Amino acid sequence: MTETDENILKTIPDKATFTFHEATTAPSEGEEFVVSHYRDITVKISGSSTSREIKFFAVDENGEKTEIAGTNKTDFQLGTGTLNTNEIWDFDIAGLFKFMVEVVSVNGDVTIKGIAVS
């Protein structure tokens, strides 16, 4: 979104919240986030699961998944997945068609939500 003020163009950031998984107790690809004009997404992983495996993917127009690396905000390590919970991850999603977070395995429940910004 843009607005002008005395011939100066300003970009006003847009923000969207998204739920990939809500207290899921079984392996699932979950919901796919359509990237559109968004540039970055922050993903929060939480829940009471005692074990889990989570993978991060870009999805193209044909539905093909490609693993994508993000930055774990706890230790600033790059990764395409995690076995932990109560983490926050950042991803550069500019130019992608869709972004998804897959629960490969879980023992208990896990919730995965995101906040995308333009």
PDB file of N, CA and C in Angstrom:
ATOM      1  N   MET A   1       0.850  -1.166   0.000  1.00  0.00           N
ATOM      2  CA  MET A   1       0.000   0.000   0.000  1.00  0.00           C
ATOM      3  C   MET A   1       0.899   1.233   0.000  1.00  0.00           C
ATOM      4  N   THR A   2       0.506   2.263  -0.719  1.00  0.00           N
ATOM      5  CA  THR A   2       1.282   3.495  -0.753  1.00  0.00           C
ATOM      6  C   THR A   2       0.370   4.691  -0.516  1.00  0.00           C
ATOM      7  N   GLU A   3       0.976   5.776  -0.074  1.00  0.00           N
ATOM      8  CA  GLU A   3       0.260   7.038   0.040  1.00  0.00           C
ATOM      9  C   GLU A   3       1.257   8.146  -0.270  1.00  0.00           C
ATOM     10  N   THR A   4       0.748   9.281  -0.677  1.00  0.00           N
ATOM     11  CA  THR A   4       1.639  10.397  -1.002  1.00  0.00           C
ATOM     12  C   THR A   4       1.428  11.523  -0.003  1.00  0.00           C
ATOM     13  N   ASP A   5       2.492  12.267   0.218  1.00  0.00           N
ATOM     14  CA  ASP A   5       2.460  13.408   1.118  1.00  0.00           C
ATOM     15  C   ASP A   5       3.416  14.429   0.538  1.00  0.00           C
ATOM     16  N   GLU A   6       2.882  15.492  -0.035  1.00  0.00           N
ATOM     17  CA  GLU A   6       3.694  16.545  -0.638  1.00  0.00           C
ATOM     18  C   GLU A   6       4.690  15.981  -1.653  1.00  0.00           C
ATOM     19  N   ASN A   7       4.160  15.198  -2.605  1.00  0.00           N
ATOM     20  CA  ASN A   7       4.964  14.617  -3.688  1.00  0.00           C
ATOM     21  C   ASN A   7       6.019  13.625  -3.221  1.00  0.00           C
ATOM     22  N   ILE A   8       5.874  13.080  -2.030  1.00  0.00           N
ATOM     23  CA  ILE A   8       6.778  12.051  -1.526  1.00  0.00           C
ATOM     24  C   ILE A   8       5.972  10.756  -1.430  1.00  0.00           C
ATOM     25  N   LEU A   9       6.464   9.723  -2.072  1.00  0.00           N
ATOM     26  CA  LEU A   9       5.795   8.430  -2.046  1.00  0.00           C
ATOM     27  C   LEU A   9       6.263   7.644  -0.838  1.00  0.00           C
ATOM     28  N   LYS A  10       5.317   7.178  -0.025  1.00  0.00           N
ATOM     29  CA  LYS A  10       5.637   6.395   1.169  1.00  0.00           C
ATOM     30  C   LYS A  10       5.040   5.003   1.015  1.00  0.00           C
ATOM     31  N   THR A  11       5.790   3.988   1.396  1.00  0.00           N
ATOM     32  CA  THR A  11       5.270   2.629   1.406  1.00  0.00           C
ATOM     33  C   THR A  11       4.809   2.309   2.821  1.00  0.00           C
ATOM     34  N   ILE A  12       3.588   1.856   2.931  1.00  0.00           N
ATOM     35  CA  ILE A  12       3.021   1.490   4.226  1.00  0.00           C
ATOM     36  C   ILE A  12       3.035  -0.042   4.306  1.00  0.00           C
ATOM     37  N   PRO A  13       3.812  -0.614   5.211  1.00  0.00           N
ATOM     38  CA  PRO A  13       3.890  -2.082   5.307  1.00  0.00           C
ATOM     39  C   PRO A  13       2.540  -2.709   5.619  1.00  0.00           C
ATOM     40  N   ASP A  14       2.338  -3.863   5.025  1.00  0.00           N
ATOM     41  CA  ASP A  14       1.128  -4.639   5.254  1.00  0.00           C
ATOM     42  C   ASP A  14       1.518  -5.858   6.086  1.00  0.00           C
ATOM     43  N   LYS A  15       0.606  -6.343   6.922  1.00  0.00           N
ATOM     44  CA  LYS A  15       0.880  -7.477   7.805  1.00  0.00           C
ATOM     45  C   LYS A  15      -0.307  -8.432   7.763  1.00  0.00           C
ATOM     46  N   ALA A  16      -0.013  -9.735   7.775  1.00  0.00           N
ATOM     47  CA  ALA A  16      -1.072 -10.746   7.786  1.00  0.00           C
ATOM     48  C   ALA A  16      -0.684 -11.867   8.739  1.00  0.00           C
ATOM     49  N   THR A  17      -1.651 -12.348   9.508  1.00  0.00           N
ATOM     50  CA  THR A  17      -1.420 -13.507  10.375  1.00  0.00           C
ATOM     51  C   THR A  17      -1.992 -14.741   9.684  1.00  0.00           C
ATOM     52  N   PHE A  18      -1.382 -15.897   9.948  1.00  0.00           N
ATOM     53  CA  PHE A  18      -1.773 -17.119   9.261  1.00  0.00           C
ATOM     54  C   PHE A  18      -1.535 -18.309  10.176  1.00  0.00           C
ATOM     55  N   THR A  19      -2.438 -19.278  10.143  1.00  0.00           N
ATOM     56  CA  THR A  19      -2.287 -20.499  10.930  1.00  0.00           C
ATOM     57  C   THR A  19      -1.997 -21.662   9.987  1.00  0.00           C
ATOM     58  N   PHE A  20      -0.818 -22.260  10.130  1.00  0.00           N
ATOM     59  CA  PHE A  20      -0.441 -23.437   9.344  1.00  0.00           C
ATOM     60  C   PHE A  20      -1.022 -24.700   9.971  1.00  0.00           C
ATOM     61  N   HIS A  21      -0.925 -24.813  11.301  1.00  0.00           N
ATOM     62  CA  HIS A  21      -1.438 -25.953  12.063  1.00  0.00           C
ATOM     63  C   HIS A  21      -1.963 -25.440  13.393  1.00  0.00           C
ATOM     64  N   GLU A  22      -3.134 -25.932  13.802  1.00  0.00           N
ATOM     65  CA  GLU A  22      -3.715 -25.551  15.094  1.00  0.00           C
ATOM     66  C   GLU A  22      -3.872 -26.810  15.936  1.00  0.00           C
ATOM     67  N   ALA A  23      -2.981 -26.995  16.906  1.00  0.00           N
ATOM     68  CA  ALA A  23      -3.007 -28.123  17.837  1.00  0.00           C
ATOM     69  C   ALA A  23      -3.145 -29.463  17.110  1.00  0.00           C
ATOM     70  N   THR A  24      -2.388 -29.622  16.024  1.00  0.00           N
ATOM     71  CA  THR A  24      -2.450 -30.876  15.279  1.00  0.00           C
ATOM     72  C   THR A  24      -1.755 -31.992  16.062  1.00  0.00           C
ATOM     73  N   THR A  25      -2.325 -33.176  15.975  1.00  0.00           N
ATOM     74  CA  THR A  25      -1.779 -34.337  16.687  1.00  0.00           C
ATOM     75  C   THR A  25      -1.348 -35.433  15.717  1.00  0.00           C
ATOM     76  N   ALA A  26      -1.384 -35.138  14.420  1.00  0.00           N
ATOM     77  CA  ALA A  26      -1.017 -36.120  13.397  1.00  0.00           C
ATOM     78  C   ALA A  26      -0.187 -35.450  12.311  1.00  0.00           C
ATOM     79  N   PRO A  27       0.658 -36.214  11.622  1.00  0.00           N
ATOM     80  CA  PRO A  27       1.425 -35.642  10.508  1.00  0.00           C
ATOM     81  C   PRO A  27       0.492 -35.021   9.472  1.00  0.00           C
ATOM     82  N   SER A  28       0.898 -33.861   8.948  1.00  0.00           N
ATOM     83  CA  SER A  28       0.050 -33.133   8.002  1.00  0.00           C
ATOM     84  C   SER A  28       0.859 -32.075   7.285  1.00  0.00           C
ATOM     85  N   GLU A  29       0.503 -31.820   6.021  1.00  0.00           N
ATOM     86  CA  GLU A  29       1.118 -30.703   5.301  1.00  0.00           C
ATOM     87  C   GLU A  29       0.557 -29.370   5.782  1.00  0.00           C
ATOM     88  N   GLY A  30      -0.614 -29.380   6.353  1.00  0.00           N
ATOM     89  CA  GLY A  30      -1.201 -28.151   6.869  1.00  0.00           C
ATOM     90  C   GLY A  30      -1.657 -27.212   5.765  1.00  0.00           C
ATOM     91  N   GLU A  31      -1.902 -25.972   6.142  1.00  0.00           N
ATOM     92  CA  GLU A  31      -2.370 -24.951   5.205  1.00  0.00           C
ATOM     93  C   GLU A  31      -1.183 -24.306   4.491  1.00  0.00           C
ATOM     94  N   GLU A  32      -1.379 -23.954   3.227  1.00  0.00           N
ATOM     95  CA  GLU A  32      -0.348 -23.266   2.444  1.00  0.00           C
ATOM     96  C   GLU A  32      -0.628 -21.767   2.446  1.00  0.00           C
ATOM     97  N   PHE A  33       0.411 -20.980   2.688  1.00  0.00           N
ATOM     98  CA  PHE A  33       0.289 -19.521   2.687  1.00  0.00           C
ATOM     99  C   PHE A  33       0.619 -19.014   1.284  1.00  0.00           C
ATOM    100  N   VAL A  34      -0.326 -18.313   0.650  1.00  0.00           N
ATOM    101  CA  VAL A  34      -0.085 -17.713  -0.662  1.00  0.00           C
ATOM    102  C   VAL A  34       0.700 -16.423  -0.435  1.00  0.00           C
ATOM    103  N   VAL A  35       1.921 -16.387  -0.972  1.00  0.00           N
ATOM    104  CA  VAL A  35       2.861 -15.308  -0.662  1.00  0.00           C
ATOM    105  C   VAL A  35       2.389 -13.951  -1.160  1.00  0.00           C
ATOM    106  N   SER A  36       1.868 -13.855  -2.376  1.00  0.00           N
ATOM    107  CA  SER A  36       1.403 -12.590  -2.934  1.00  0.00           C
ATOM    108  C   SER A  36       2.495 -11.523  -2.861  1.00  0.00           C
ATOM    109  N   HIS A  37       2.215 -10.403  -2.211  1.00  0.00           N
ATOM    110  CA  HIS A  37       3.152  -9.280  -2.136  1.00  0.00           C
ATOM    111  C   HIS A  37       4.010  -9.293  -0.860  1.00  0.00           C
ATOM    112  N   TYR A  38       3.873 -10.322  -0.063  1.00  0.00           N
ATOM    113  CA  TYR A  38       4.616 -10.366   1.204  1.00  0.00           C
ATOM    114  C   TYR A  38       6.080 -10.735   0.968  1.00  0.00           C
ATOM    115  N   ARG A  39       6.964 -10.206   1.811  1.00  0.00           N
ATOM    116  CA  ARG A  39       8.407 -10.388   1.629  1.00  0.00           C
ATOM    117  C   ARG A  39       9.044 -11.289   2.693  1.00  0.00           C
ATOM    118  N   ASP A  40       8.506 -11.258   3.891  1.00  0.00           N
ATOM    119  CA  ASP A  40       9.069 -12.021   5.003  1.00  0.00           C
ATOM    120  C   ASP A  40       7.938 -12.644   5.813  1.00  0.00           C
ATOM    121  N   ILE A  41       8.254 -13.788   6.437  1.00  0.00           N
ATOM    122  CA  ILE A  41       7.291 -14.398   7.352  1.00  0.00           C
ATOM    123  C   ILE A  41       8.036 -14.894   8.582  1.00  0.00           C
ATOM    124  N   THR A  42       7.462 -14.631   9.741  1.00  0.00           N
ATOM    125  CA  THR A  42       7.978 -15.118  11.016  1.00  0.00           C
ATOM    126  C   THR A  42       7.044 -16.225  11.480  1.00  0.00           C
ATOM    127  N   VAL A  43       7.620 -17.392  11.791  1.00  0.00           N
ATOM    128  CA  VAL A  43       6.846 -18.580  12.146  1.00  0.00           C
ATOM    129  C   VAL A  43       7.106 -18.935  13.604  1.00  0.00           C
ATOM    130  N   LYS A  44       6.034 -19.125  14.370  1.00  0.00           N
ATOM    131  CA  LYS A  44       6.109 -19.510  15.790  1.00  0.00           C
ATOM    132  C   LYS A  44       5.623 -20.941  15.923  1.00  0.00           C
ATOM    133  N   ILE A  45       6.457 -21.788  16.538  1.00  0.00           N
ATOM    134  CA  ILE A  45       6.122 -23.184  16.782  1.00  0.00           C
ATOM    135  C   ILE A  45       5.908 -23.351  18.283  1.00  0.00           C
ATOM    136  N   SER A  46       4.750 -23.894  18.667  1.00  0.00           N
ATOM    137  CA  SER A  46       4.445 -24.098  20.084  1.00  0.00           C
ATOM    138  C   SER A  46       3.629 -25.373  20.246  1.00  0.00           C
ATOM    139  N   GLY A  47       3.351 -25.729  21.478  1.00  0.00           N
ATOM    140  CA  GLY A  47       2.519 -26.892  21.743  1.00  0.00           C
ATOM    141  C   GLY A  47       3.089 -27.754  22.852  1.00  0.00           C
ATOM    142  N   SER A  48       2.373 -28.829  23.151  1.00  0.00           N
ATOM    143  CA  SER A  48       2.753 -29.695  24.264  1.00  0.00           C
ATOM    144  C   SER A  48       3.393 -30.999  23.800  1.00  0.00           C
ATOM    145  N   SER A  49       3.724 -31.098  22.520  1.00  0.00           N
ATOM    146  CA  SER A  49       4.283 -32.351  22.012  1.00  0.00           C
ATOM    147  C   SER A  49       5.633 -32.650  22.665  1.00  0.00           C
ATOM    148  N   THR A  50       5.863 -33.937  22.911  1.00  0.00           N
ATOM    149  CA  THR A  50       7.135 -34.363  23.505  1.00  0.00           C
ATOM    150  C   THR A  50       8.177 -34.622  22.430  1.00  0.00           C
ATOM    151  N   SER A  51       7.732 -34.841  21.187  1.00  0.00           N
ATOM    152  CA  SER A  51       8.639 -34.960  20.050  1.00  0.00           C
ATOM    153  C   SER A  51       7.894 -34.548  18.793  1.00  0.00           C
ATOM    154  N   ARG A  52       8.656 -34.036  17.824  1.00  0.00           N
ATOM    155  CA  ARG A  52       8.057 -33.605  16.572  1.00  0.00           C
ATOM    156  C   ARG A  52       9.158 -33.423  15.547  1.00  0.00           C
ATOM    157  N   GLU A  53       8.789 -33.539  14.252  1.00  0.00           N
ATOM    158  CA  GLU A  53       9.684 -33.169  13.159  1.00  0.00           C
ATOM    159  C   GLU A  53       8.897 -32.255  12.242  1.00  0.00           C
ATOM    160  N   ILE A  54       9.475 -31.087  11.969  1.00  0.00           N
ATOM    161  CA  ILE A  54       8.815 -30.063  11.167  1.00  0.00           C
ATOM    162  C   ILE A  54       9.752 -29.661  10.039  1.00  0.00           C
ATOM    163  N   LYS A  55       9.198 -29.526   8.818  1.00  0.00           N
ATOM    164  CA  LYS A  55       9.978 -29.125   7.649  1.00  0.00           C
ATOM    165  C   LYS A  55       9.328 -27.895   7.018  1.00  0.00           C
ATOM    166  N   PHE A  56      10.174 -27.038   6.412  1.00  0.00           N
ATOM    167  CA  PHE A  56       9.722 -25.801   5.783  1.00  0.00           C
ATOM    168  C   PHE A  56       9.882 -25.922   4.262  1.00  0.00           C
ATOM    169  N   PHE A  57       8.849 -25.483   3.506  1.00  0.00           N
ATOM    170  CA  PHE A  57       8.868 -25.644   2.051  1.00  0.00           C
ATOM    171  C   PHE A  57       8.368 -24.401   1.320  1.00  0.00           C
ATOM    172  N   ALA A  58       8.950 -24.186   0.132  1.00  0.00           N
ATOM    173  CA  ALA A  58       8.372 -23.307  -0.876  1.00  0.00           C
ATOM    174  C   ALA A  58       7.571 -24.219  -1.795  1.00  0.00           C
ATOM    175  N   VAL A  59       6.421 -23.745  -2.269  1.00  0.00           N
ATOM    176  CA  VAL A  59       5.582 -24.524  -3.175  1.00  0.00           C
ATOM    177  C   VAL A  59       5.379 -23.700  -4.443  1.00  0.00           C
ATOM    178  N   ASP A  60       5.685 -24.315  -5.614  1.00  0.00           N
ATOM    179  CA  ASP A  60       5.543 -23.561  -6.863  1.00  0.00           C
ATOM    180  C   ASP A  60       4.128 -23.685  -7.429  1.00  0.00           C
ATOM    181  N   GLU A  61       3.906 -23.072  -8.592  1.00  0.00           N
ATOM    182  CA  GLU A  61       2.583 -23.031  -9.215  1.00  0.00           C
ATOM    183  C   GLU A  61       2.057 -24.416  -9.573  1.00  0.00           C
ATOM    184  N   ASN A  62       2.970 -25.407  -9.720  1.00  0.00           N
ATOM    185  CA  ASN A  62       2.566 -26.771 -10.057  1.00  0.00           C
ATOM    186  C   ASN A  62       2.387 -27.648  -8.827  1.00  0.00           C
ATOM    187  N   GLY A  63       2.547 -27.069  -7.644  1.00  0.00           N
ATOM    188  CA  GLY A  63       2.397 -27.823  -6.412  1.00  0.00           C
ATOM    189  C   GLY A  63       3.655 -28.561  -5.971  1.00  0.00           C
ATOM    190  N   GLU A  64       4.768 -28.342  -6.672  1.00  0.00           N
ATOM    191  CA  GLU A  64       6.024 -28.998  -6.308  1.00  0.00           C
ATOM    192  C   GLU A  64       6.646 -28.313  -5.094  1.00  0.00           C
ATOM    193  N   LYS A  65       7.031 -29.125  -4.100  1.00  0.00           N
ATOM    194  CA  LYS A  65       7.617 -28.604  -2.864  1.00  0.00           C
ATOM    195  C   LYS A  65       9.140 -28.618  -2.952  1.00  0.00           C
ATOM    196  N   THR A  66       9.755 -27.549  -2.448  1.00  0.00           N
ATOM    197  CA  THR A  66      11.212 -27.450  -2.342  1.00  0.00           C
ATOM    198  C   THR A  66      11.529 -26.978  -0.930  1.00  0.00           C
ATOM    199  N   GLU A  67      12.423 -27.704  -0.246  1.00  0.00           N
ATOM    200  CA  GLU A  67      12.795 -27.274   1.105  1.00  0.00           C
ATOM    201  C   GLU A  67      13.397 -25.875   1.050  1.00  0.00           C
ATOM    202  N   ILE A  68      13.072 -25.071   2.051  1.00  0.00           N
ATOM    203  CA  ILE A  68      13.575 -23.695   2.130  1.00  0.00           C
ATOM    204  C   ILE A  68      14.170 -23.464   3.515  1.00  0.00           C
ATOM    205  N   ALA A  69      15.302 -22.798   3.550  1.00  0.00           N
ATOM    206  CA  ALA A  69      15.976 -22.536   4.826  1.00  0.00           C
ATOM    207  C   ALA A  69      15.473 -21.240   5.444  1.00  0.00           C
ATOM    208  N   GLY A  70      15.385 -21.270   6.753  1.00  0.00           N
ATOM    209  CA  GLY A  70      15.037 -20.089   7.518  1.00  0.00           C
ATOM    210  C   GLY A  70      16.043 -19.911   8.636  1.00  0.00           C
ATOM    211  N   THR A  71      15.898 -18.818   9.360  1.00  0.00           N
ATOM    212  CA  THR A  71      16.794 -18.516  10.479  1.00  0.00           C
ATOM    213  C   THR A  71      16.054 -18.727  11.787  1.00  0.00           C
ATOM    214  N   ASN A  72      16.613 -19.592  12.627  1.00  0.00           N
ATOM    215  CA  ASN A  72      16.064 -19.817  13.957  1.00  0.00           C
ATOM    216  C   ASN A  72      16.441 -18.609  14.805  1.00  0.00           C
ATOM    217  N   LYS A  73      15.449 -17.895  15.320  1.00  0.00           N
ATOM    218  CA  LYS A  73      15.711 -16.661  16.074  1.00  0.00           C
ATOM    219  C   LYS A  73      16.281 -16.925  17.462  1.00  0.00           C
ATOM    220  N   THR A  74      16.285 -18.190  17.911  1.00  0.00           N
ATOM    221  CA  THR A  74      16.848 -18.531  19.214  1.00  0.00           C
ATOM    222  C   THR A  74      18.370 -18.536  19.170  1.00  0.00           C
ATOM    223  N   ASP A  75      18.923 -19.177  18.122  1.00  0.00           N
ATOM    224  CA  ASP A  75      20.378 -19.322  18.039  1.00  0.00           C
ATOM    225  C   ASP A  75      20.963 -18.824  16.713  1.00  0.00           C
ATOM    226  N   PHE A  76      20.131 -18.243  15.857  1.00  0.00           N
ATOM    227  CA  PHE A  76      20.525 -17.677  14.564  1.00  0.00           C
ATOM    228  C   PHE A  76      21.149 -18.701  13.620  1.00  0.00           C
ATOM    229  N   GLN A  77      20.785 -19.976  13.783  1.00  0.00           N
ATOM    230  CA  GLN A  77      21.233 -21.025  12.878  1.00  0.00           C
ATOM    231  C   GLN A  77      20.251 -21.139  11.712  1.00  0.00           C
ATOM    232  N   LEU A  78      20.775 -21.479  10.525  1.00  0.00           N
ATOM    233  CA  LEU A  78      19.927 -21.740   9.369  1.00  0.00           C
ATOM    234  C   LEU A  78      19.458 -23.179   9.416  1.00  0.00           C
ATOM    235  N   GLY A  79      18.239 -23.429   8.911  1.00  0.00           N
ATOM    236  CA  GLY A  79      17.739 -24.790   8.859  1.00  0.00           C
ATOM    237  C   GLY A  79      16.527 -24.908   7.969  1.00  0.00           C
ATOM    238  N   THR A  80      16.310 -26.119   7.439  1.00  0.00           N
ATOM    239  CA  THR A  80      15.129 -26.403   6.625  1.00  0.00           C
ATOM    240  C   THR A  80      14.076 -27.157   7.422  1.00  0.00           C
ATOM    241  N   GLY A  81      14.352 -27.357   8.706  1.00  0.00           N
ATOM    242  CA  GLY A  81      13.415 -28.051   9.572  1.00  0.00           C
ATOM    243  C   GLY A  81      13.892 -28.005  11.013  1.00  0.00           C
ATOM    244  N   THR A  82      13.072 -28.575  11.903  1.00  0.00           N
ATOM    245  CA  THR A  82      13.424 -28.577  13.319  1.00  0.00           C
ATOM    246  C   THR A  82      12.775 -29.768  14.022  1.00  0.00           C
ATOM    247  N   LEU A  83      13.384 -30.163  15.107  1.00  0.00           N
ATOM    248  CA  LEU A  83      12.834 -31.202  15.982  1.00  0.00           C
ATOM    249  C   LEU A  83      12.371 -30.595  17.301  1.00  0.00           C
ATOM    250  N   ASN A  84      12.478 -29.278  17.435  1.00  0.00           N
ATOM    251  CA  ASN A  84      12.193 -28.593  18.695  1.00  0.00           C
ATOM    252  C   ASN A  84      10.837 -27.890  18.672  1.00  0.00           C
ATOM    253  N   THR A  85      10.439 -27.363  19.821  1.00  0.00           N
ATOM    254  CA  THR A  85       9.215 -26.572  19.933  1.00  0.00           C
ATOM    255  C   THR A  85       9.545 -25.272  20.665  1.00  0.00           C
ATOM    256  N   ASN A  86       8.561 -24.400  20.765  1.00  0.00           N
ATOM    257  CA  ASN A  86       8.758 -23.079  21.370  1.00  0.00           C
ATOM    258  C   ASN A  86       9.910 -22.340  20.707  1.00  0.00           C
ATOM    259  N   GLU A  87       9.847 -22.294  19.377  1.00  0.00           N
ATOM    260  CA  GLU A  87      10.854 -21.601  18.578  1.00  0.00           C
ATOM    261  C   GLU A  87      10.187 -20.574  17.680  1.00  0.00           C
ATOM    262  N   ILE A  88      11.003 -19.621  17.233  1.00  0.00           N
ATOM    263  CA  ILE A  88      10.574 -18.629  16.259  1.00  0.00           C
ATOM    264  C   ILE A  88      11.571 -18.668  15.109  1.00  0.00           C
ATOM    265  N   TRP A  89      11.048 -18.736  13.882  1.00  0.00           N
ATOM    266  CA  TRP A  89      11.862 -18.802  12.668  1.00  0.00           C
ATOM    267  C   TRP A  89      11.487 -17.653  11.735  1.00  0.00           C
ATOM    268  N   ASP A  90      12.478 -17.120  11.024  1.00  0.00           N
ATOM    269  CA  ASP A  90      12.252 -16.078  10.016  1.00  0.00           C
ATOM    270  C   ASP A  90      12.607 -16.617   8.639  1.00  0.00           C
ATOM    271  N   PHE A  91      11.784 -16.243   7.628  1.00  0.00           N
ATOM    272  CA  PHE A  91      12.006 -16.677   6.252  1.00  0.00           C
ATOM    273  C   PHE A  91      11.849 -15.501   5.301  1.00  0.00           C
ATOM    274  N   ASP A  92      12.717 -15.440   4.294  1.00  0.00           N
ATOM    275  CA  ASP A  92      12.590 -14.508   3.179  1.00  0.00           C
ATOM    276  C   ASP A  92      11.744 -15.227   2.134  1.00  0.00           C
ATOM    277  N   ILE A  93      10.527 -14.745   1.890  1.00  0.00           N
ATOM    278  CA  ILE A  93       9.617 -15.429   0.976  1.00  0.00           C
ATOM    279  C   ILE A  93       9.330 -14.616  -0.286  1.00  0.00           C
ATOM    280  N   ALA A  94      10.009 -13.491  -0.459  1.00  0.00           N
ATOM    281  CA  ALA A  94       9.784 -12.651  -1.640  1.00  0.00           C
ATOM    282  C   ALA A  94      10.029 -13.476  -2.903  1.00  0.00           C
ATOM    283  N   GLY A  95       9.100 -13.412  -3.839  1.00  0.00           N
ATOM    284  CA  GLY A  95       9.233 -14.109  -5.108  1.00  0.00           C
ATOM    285  C   GLY A  95       8.718 -15.537  -5.112  1.00  0.00           C
ATOM    286  N   LEU A  96       8.344 -16.064  -3.959  1.00  0.00           N
ATOM    287  CA  LEU A  96       7.787 -17.416  -3.914  1.00  0.00           C
ATOM    288  C   LEU A  96       6.297 -17.378  -4.227  1.00  0.00           C
ATOM    289  N   PHE A  97       5.745 -18.533  -4.634  1.00  0.00           N
ATOM    290  CA  PHE A  97       4.314 -18.631  -4.891  1.00  0.00           C
ATOM    291  C   PHE A  97       3.561 -18.939  -3.590  1.00  0.00           C
ATOM    292  N   LYS A  98       3.988 -20.016  -2.903  1.00  0.00           N
ATOM    293  CA  LYS A  98       3.386 -20.382  -1.620  1.00  0.00           C
ATOM    294  C   LYS A  98       4.487 -20.822  -0.655  1.00  0.00           C
ATOM    295  N   PHE A  99       4.163 -20.771   0.638  1.00  0.00           N
ATOM    296  CA  PHE A  99       5.057 -21.224   1.702  1.00  0.00           C
ATOM    297  C   PHE A  99       4.248 -22.151   2.597  1.00  0.00           C
ATOM    298  N   MET A 100       4.864 -23.279   3.004  1.00  0.00           N
ATOM    299  CA  MET A 100       4.147 -24.204   3.883  1.00  0.00           C
ATOM    300  C   MET A 100       5.077 -24.774   4.933  1.00  0.00           C
ATOM    301  N   VAL A 101       4.486 -25.204   6.026  1.00  0.00           N
ATOM    302  CA  VAL A 101       5.209 -25.838   7.126  1.00  0.00           C
ATOM    303  C   VAL A 101       4.566 -27.204   7.339  1.00  0.00           C
ATOM    304  N   GLU A 102       5.336 -28.251   7.107  1.00  0.00           N
ATOM    305  CA  GLU A 102       4.817 -29.615   7.206  1.00  0.00           C
ATOM    306  C   GLU A 102       5.196 -30.244   8.539  1.00  0.00           C
ATOM    307  N   VAL A 103       4.212 -30.843   9.195  1.00  0.00           N
ATOM    308  CA  VAL A 103       4.476 -31.647  10.389  1.00  0.00           C
ATOM    309  C   VAL A 103       4.708 -33.071   9.889  1.00  0.00           C
ATOM    310  N   VAL A 104       5.963 -33.513   9.933  1.00  0.00           N
ATOM    311  CA  VAL A 104       6.333 -34.838   9.441  1.00  0.00           C
ATOM    312  C   VAL A 104       5.951 -35.906  10.458  1.00  0.00           C
ATOM    313  N   SER A 105       6.195 -35.609  11.732  1.00  0.00           N
ATOM    314  CA  SER A 105       5.800 -36.516  12.813  1.00  0.00           C
ATOM    315  C   SER A 105       5.561 -35.690  14.069  1.00  0.00           C
ATOM    316  N   VAL A 106       4.699 -36.225  14.957  1.00  0.00           N
ATOM    317  CA  VAL A 106       4.410 -35.506  16.203  1.00  0.00           C
ATOM    318  C   VAL A 106       3.887 -36.496  17.242  1.00  0.00           C
ATOM    319  N   ASN A 107       4.313 -36.292  18.474  1.00  0.00           N
ATOM    320  CA  ASN A 107       3.808 -37.058  19.612  1.00  0.00           C
ATOM    321  C   ASN A 107       3.268 -36.029  20.604  1.00  0.00           C
ATOM    322  N   GLY A 108       1.966 -35.810  20.585  1.00  0.00           N
ATOM    323  CA  GLY A 108       1.341 -34.736  21.349  1.00  0.00           C
ATOM    324  C   GLY A 108       0.690 -33.779  20.373  1.00  0.00           C
ATOM    325  N   ASP A 109       0.668 -32.495  20.693  1.00  0.00           N
ATOM    326  CA  ASP A 109       0.097 -31.524  19.750  1.00  0.00           C
ATOM    327  C   ASP A 109       1.092 -30.409  19.471  1.00  0.00           C
ATOM    328  N   VAL A 110       0.963 -29.839  18.290  1.00  0.00           N
ATOM    329  CA  VAL A 110       1.825 -28.734  17.883  1.00  0.00           C
ATOM    330  C   VAL A 110       0.985 -27.707  17.125  1.00  0.00           C
ATOM    331  N   THR A 111       1.236 -26.436  17.422  1.00  0.00           N
ATOM    332  CA  THR A 111       0.589 -25.320  16.741  1.00  0.00           C
ATOM    333  C   THR A 111       1.667 -24.506  16.042  1.00  0.00           C
ATOM    334  N   ILE A 112       1.401 -24.147  14.781  1.00  0.00           N
ATOM    335  CA  ILE A 112       2.366 -23.375  13.997  1.00  0.00           C
ATOM    336  C   ILE A 112       1.618 -22.219  13.351  1.00  0.00           C
ATOM    337  N   LYS A 113       2.033 -21.003  13.706  1.00  0.00           N
ATOM    338  CA  LYS A 113       1.395 -19.792  13.189  1.00  0.00           C
ATOM    339  C   LYS A 113       2.461 -18.879  12.596  1.00  0.00           C
ATOM    340  N   GLY A 114       2.033 -18.003  11.693  1.00  0.00           N
ATOM    341  CA  GLY A 114       2.970 -17.096  11.060  1.00  0.00           C
ATOM    342  C   GLY A 114       2.430 -15.685  10.980  1.00  0.00           C
ATOM    343  N   ILE A 115       3.364 -14.731  10.886  1.00  0.00           N
ATOM    344  CA  ILE A 115       3.037 -13.334  10.622  1.00  0.00           C
ATOM    345  C   ILE A 115       3.876 -12.913   9.421  1.00  0.00           C
ATOM    346  N   ALA A 116       3.200 -12.564   8.324  1.00  0.00           N
ATOM    347  CA  ALA A 116       3.874 -12.136   7.099  1.00  0.00           C
ATOM    348  C   ALA A 116       3.823 -10.617   7.001  1.00  0.00           C
ATOM    349  N   VAL A 117       4.907 -10.025   6.498  1.00  0.00           N
ATOM    350  CA  VAL A 117       4.964  -8.578   6.306  1.00  0.00           C
ATOM    351  C   VAL A 117       5.446  -8.266   4.898  1.00  0.00           C
ATOM    352  N   SER A 118       4.962  -7.143   4.376  1.00  0.00           N
ATOM    353  CA  SER A 118       5.360  -6.730   3.029  1.00  0.00           C
ATOM    354  C   SER A 118       6.524  -5.764   3.092  1.00  0.00           C
TER     355      SER A 118
END
